[in-house]
Amino acid sequence: MRFTTMRLCGGEALMAISADDLCLNMEKVSDQLEGMGLSLKQKDEMMAVFDWRGMETTIYPQGKVMFFPLKDRSLCIEYATEILGKLV
């Protein structure tokens, strides 16, 4: 997968934006995340929020993944690739 990144929250968060056109079923994504032993803080048709590697992580239907706090762009891409690789 290829990604671009975007800084958010005053530079404290990074979002990986998939170059591929994804349309994730958030109900299925939520079930898969819970199946991996992750506890979801919030889930609806627009996002799933969970803790991952000590960061608040949000995944969106378009394949965007936001990590807070995170400042390293290469780690952002690595982590998004790992997460989406388990879901897609």
N, C-alpha and C. Protein backbone atom coordinates (compact mmCIF):
# COMPACT_ATOMS: atom_id res chain seq x y z
N MET A 1 0.84 -1.19 0.00
CA MET A 1 0.00 0.00 0.00
C MET A 1 0.88 1.24 0.00
N ARG A 2 0.37 2.26 -0.65
CA ARG A 2 1.06 3.55 -0.66
C ARG A 2 0.22 4.55 0.11
N PHE A 3 0.92 5.44 0.82
CA PHE A 3 0.24 6.42 1.65
C PHE A 3 0.85 7.80 1.48
N THR A 4 0.06 8.80 1.74
CA THR A 4 0.56 10.13 2.03
C THR A 4 0.28 10.36 3.51
N THR A 5 0.93 11.32 4.11
CA THR A 5 0.68 11.60 5.52
C THR A 5 0.28 13.06 5.69
N MET A 6 -0.43 13.32 6.78
CA MET A 6 -0.87 14.66 7.11
C MET A 6 -0.71 14.86 8.61
N ARG A 7 -0.15 16.00 9.00
CA ARG A 7 -0.02 16.35 10.42
C ARG A 7 -1.33 16.96 10.90
N LEU A 8 -1.74 16.57 12.09
CA LEU A 8 -2.97 17.08 12.69
C LEU A 8 -2.72 17.46 14.14
N CYS A 9 -3.66 18.12 14.75
CA CYS A 9 -3.63 18.44 16.19
C CYS A 9 -2.35 19.17 16.57
N GLY A 10 -2.00 20.19 15.84
CA GLY A 10 -0.81 20.97 16.16
C GLY A 10 0.48 20.19 16.03
N GLY A 11 0.48 19.17 15.19
CA GLY A 11 1.69 18.38 14.97
C GLY A 11 1.83 17.20 15.92
N GLU A 12 0.87 16.99 16.80
CA GLU A 12 0.94 15.89 17.77
C GLU A 12 0.39 14.58 17.21
N ALA A 13 -0.33 14.66 16.10
CA ALA A 13 -0.93 13.47 15.50
C ALA A 13 -0.56 13.41 14.02
N LEU A 14 -0.55 12.20 13.50
CA LEU A 14 -0.33 11.98 12.07
C LEU A 14 -1.44 11.10 11.52
N MET A 15 -1.82 11.38 10.28
CA MET A 15 -2.79 10.56 9.59
C MET A 15 -2.15 9.99 8.34
N ALA A 16 -2.30 8.69 8.16
CA ALA A 16 -1.88 8.03 6.93
C ALA A 16 -3.10 7.95 6.03
N ILE A 17 -2.94 8.43 4.80
CA ILE A 17 -4.04 8.46 3.84
C ILE A 17 -3.68 7.51 2.70
N SER A 18 -4.46 6.46 2.55
CA SER A 18 -4.19 5.45 1.53
C SER A 18 -4.34 6.03 0.13
N ALA A 19 -3.38 5.73 -0.73
CA ALA A 19 -3.47 6.14 -2.13
C ALA A 19 -4.48 5.28 -2.88
N ASP A 20 -4.78 4.10 -2.35
CA ASP A 20 -5.78 3.21 -2.94
C ASP A 20 -7.17 3.67 -2.53
N ASP A 21 -8.13 3.48 -3.41
CA ASP A 21 -9.51 3.85 -3.12
C ASP A 21 -10.15 2.73 -2.30
N LEU A 22 -10.20 2.92 -0.99
CA LEU A 22 -10.77 1.91 -0.10
C LEU A 22 -12.17 2.34 0.33
N CYS A 23 -13.00 1.36 0.58
CA CYS A 23 -14.33 1.61 1.12
C CYS A 23 -14.58 0.52 2.17
N LEU A 24 -14.05 0.76 3.36
CA LEU A 24 -14.12 -0.24 4.43
C LEU A 24 -15.51 -0.29 5.06
N ASN A 25 -15.97 -1.48 5.33
CA ASN A 25 -17.20 -1.69 6.07
C ASN A 25 -16.85 -1.56 7.55
N MET A 26 -17.28 -0.47 8.17
CA MET A 26 -16.83 -0.19 9.53
C MET A 26 -17.39 -1.17 10.56
N GLU A 27 -18.52 -1.78 10.29
CA GLU A 27 -19.04 -2.80 11.19
C GLU A 27 -18.11 -4.01 11.18
N LYS A 28 -17.70 -4.42 9.98
CA LYS A 28 -16.78 -5.54 9.84
C LYS A 28 -15.42 -5.19 10.45
N VAL A 29 -14.92 -3.98 10.19
CA VAL A 29 -13.64 -3.53 10.76
C VAL A 29 -13.69 -3.58 12.28
N SER A 30 -14.77 -3.08 12.86
CA SER A 30 -14.92 -3.09 14.32
C SER A 30 -14.88 -4.51 14.87
N ASP A 31 -15.58 -5.43 14.21
CA ASP A 31 -15.57 -6.82 14.63
C ASP A 31 -14.17 -7.42 14.53
N GLN A 32 -13.45 -7.10 13.45
CA GLN A 32 -12.09 -7.62 13.28
C GLN A 32 -11.15 -7.06 14.35
N LEU A 33 -11.26 -5.78 14.64
CA LEU A 33 -10.41 -5.17 15.67
C LEU A 33 -10.67 -5.81 17.03
N GLU A 34 -11.94 -6.00 17.36
CA GLU A 34 -12.29 -6.65 18.63
C GLU A 34 -11.80 -8.09 18.64
N GLY A 35 -11.83 -8.75 17.48
CA GLY A 35 -11.32 -10.11 17.36
C GLY A 35 -9.81 -10.20 17.58
N MET A 36 -9.12 -9.08 17.36
CA MET A 36 -7.67 -9.02 17.61
C MET A 36 -7.38 -8.66 19.06
N GLY A 37 -8.45 -8.57 19.87
CA GLY A 37 -8.26 -8.27 21.29
C GLY A 37 -8.18 -6.79 21.61
N LEU A 38 -8.54 -5.94 20.65
CA LEU A 38 -8.50 -4.50 20.87
C LEU A 38 -9.86 -4.03 21.37
N SER A 39 -9.83 -3.16 22.35
CA SER A 39 -11.06 -2.61 22.91
C SER A 39 -11.37 -1.29 22.21
N LEU A 40 -12.55 -1.20 21.63
CA LEU A 40 -12.93 0.01 20.92
C LEU A 40 -13.53 1.04 21.86
N LYS A 41 -13.06 2.28 21.75
CA LYS A 41 -13.58 3.39 22.55
C LYS A 41 -14.84 3.96 21.91
N GLN A 42 -14.85 3.92 20.58
CA GLN A 42 -15.98 4.44 19.82
C GLN A 42 -16.05 3.69 18.51
N LYS A 43 -17.26 3.43 18.07
CA LYS A 43 -17.43 2.80 16.76
C LYS A 43 -18.77 3.21 16.19
N ASP A 44 -18.75 3.56 14.92
CA ASP A 44 -19.97 3.86 14.18
C ASP A 44 -19.65 3.68 12.70
N GLU A 45 -20.54 4.12 11.83
CA GLU A 45 -20.32 3.90 10.40
C GLU A 45 -19.24 4.82 9.82
N MET A 46 -18.76 5.80 10.61
CA MET A 46 -17.77 6.75 10.12
C MET A 46 -16.36 6.55 10.67
N MET A 47 -16.23 5.80 11.77
CA MET A 47 -14.90 5.62 12.37
C MET A 47 -14.91 4.53 13.43
N ALA A 48 -13.72 4.05 13.73
CA ALA A 48 -13.50 3.16 14.88
C ALA A 48 -12.28 3.71 15.61
N VAL A 49 -12.42 3.90 16.92
CA VAL A 49 -11.36 4.46 17.75
C VAL A 49 -10.94 3.41 18.76
N PHE A 50 -9.62 3.18 18.84
CA PHE A 50 -9.10 2.15 19.74
C PHE A 50 -7.68 2.51 20.14
N ASP A 51 -7.19 1.89 21.21
CA ASP A 51 -5.80 2.06 21.63
C ASP A 51 -4.95 1.01 20.94
N TRP A 52 -3.84 1.45 20.39
CA TRP A 52 -2.92 0.55 19.70
C TRP A 52 -1.50 1.04 19.93
N ARG A 53 -0.68 0.19 20.50
CA ARG A 53 0.71 0.52 20.80
C ARG A 53 0.84 1.82 21.59
N GLY A 54 -0.06 2.04 22.53
CA GLY A 54 0.00 3.21 23.39
C GLY A 54 -0.51 4.49 22.77
N MET A 55 -1.13 4.38 21.60
CA MET A 55 -1.65 5.56 20.92
C MET A 55 -3.15 5.42 20.69
N GLU A 56 -3.85 6.54 20.74
CA GLU A 56 -5.24 6.53 20.32
C GLU A 56 -5.22 6.47 18.80
N THR A 57 -5.87 5.48 18.25
CA THR A 57 -5.84 5.22 16.81
C THR A 57 -7.27 5.25 16.28
N THR A 58 -7.45 5.96 15.17
CA THR A 58 -8.76 6.07 14.54
C THR A 58 -8.65 5.62 13.10
N ILE A 59 -9.56 4.76 12.69
CA ILE A 59 -9.58 4.29 11.30
C ILE A 59 -10.91 4.73 10.69
N TYR A 60 -10.83 5.15 9.43
CA TYR A 60 -11.99 5.68 8.70
C TYR A 60 -12.27 4.80 7.48
N PRO A 61 -13.51 4.84 6.96
CA PRO A 61 -13.89 3.97 5.84
C PRO A 61 -13.03 4.15 4.59
N GLN A 62 -12.47 5.33 4.37
CA GLN A 62 -11.67 5.59 3.18
C GLN A 62 -10.26 5.01 3.30
N GLY A 63 -9.95 4.36 4.42
CA GLY A 63 -8.63 3.79 4.62
C GLY A 63 -7.66 4.75 5.29
N LYS A 64 -8.16 5.84 5.83
CA LYS A 64 -7.32 6.78 6.58
C LYS A 64 -7.14 6.22 7.99
N VAL A 65 -5.92 6.37 8.51
CA VAL A 65 -5.64 5.91 9.87
C VAL A 65 -4.90 7.03 10.59
N MET A 66 -5.45 7.49 11.72
CA MET A 66 -4.84 8.57 12.50
C MET A 66 -4.27 8.01 13.80
N PHE A 67 -3.07 8.47 14.13
CA PHE A 67 -2.39 8.05 15.36
C PHE A 67 -2.10 9.28 16.22
N PHE A 68 -2.46 9.19 17.51
CA PHE A 68 -2.20 10.28 18.45
C PHE A 68 -1.69 9.70 19.75
N PRO A 69 -0.58 10.13 20.26
CA PRO A 69 0.39 11.04 19.67
C PRO A 69 1.39 10.28 18.80
N LEU A 70 1.79 10.88 17.71
CA LEU A 70 2.83 10.32 16.84
C LEU A 70 3.37 11.45 15.97
N LYS A 71 4.69 11.53 15.86
CA LYS A 71 5.32 12.58 15.06
C LYS A 71 6.19 12.02 13.93
N ASP A 72 6.45 10.72 13.93
CA ASP A 72 7.35 10.10 12.95
C ASP A 72 6.54 9.61 11.74
N ARG A 73 6.76 10.25 10.58
CA ARG A 73 6.00 9.93 9.38
C ARG A 73 6.23 8.49 8.90
N SER A 74 7.46 8.00 9.00
CA SER A 74 7.73 6.64 8.53
C SER A 74 7.03 5.61 9.42
N LEU A 75 6.99 5.86 10.72
CA LEU A 75 6.26 4.95 11.62
C LEU A 75 4.76 5.01 11.34
N CYS A 76 4.26 6.18 11.03
CA CYS A 76 2.84 6.33 10.70
C CYS A 76 2.48 5.41 9.53
N ILE A 77 3.29 5.45 8.49
CA ILE A 77 3.04 4.61 7.31
C ILE A 77 3.20 3.13 7.65
N GLU A 78 4.24 2.81 8.41
CA GLU A 78 4.47 1.41 8.81
C GLU A 78 3.29 0.88 9.61
N TYR A 79 2.83 1.64 10.58
CA TYR A 79 1.72 1.20 11.44
C TYR A 79 0.42 1.09 10.65
N ALA A 80 0.14 2.05 9.77
CA ALA A 80 -1.09 2.00 8.97
C ALA A 80 -1.08 0.79 8.05
N THR A 81 0.10 0.50 7.46
CA THR A 81 0.23 -0.67 6.60
C THR A 81 -0.05 -1.94 7.38
N GLU A 82 0.49 -2.01 8.59
CA GLU A 82 0.28 -3.19 9.44
C GLU A 82 -1.19 -3.37 9.79
N ILE A 83 -1.84 -2.30 10.22
CA ILE A 83 -3.25 -2.38 10.62
C ILE A 83 -4.13 -2.74 9.42
N LEU A 84 -4.01 -1.97 8.34
CA LEU A 84 -4.86 -2.22 7.18
C LEU A 84 -4.59 -3.57 6.55
N GLY A 85 -3.35 -4.05 6.65
CA GLY A 85 -3.02 -5.38 6.13
C GLY A 85 -3.79 -6.49 6.83
N LYS A 86 -4.18 -6.25 8.07
CA LYS A 86 -4.95 -7.24 8.83
C LYS A 86 -6.45 -7.10 8.59
N LEU A 87 -6.87 -5.97 8.01
CA LEU A 87 -8.29 -5.69 7.86
C LEU A 87 -8.80 -5.83 6.43
N VAL A 88 -7.93 -5.61 5.46
CA VAL A 88 -8.39 -5.57 4.06
C VAL A 88 -8.20 -6.93 3.42
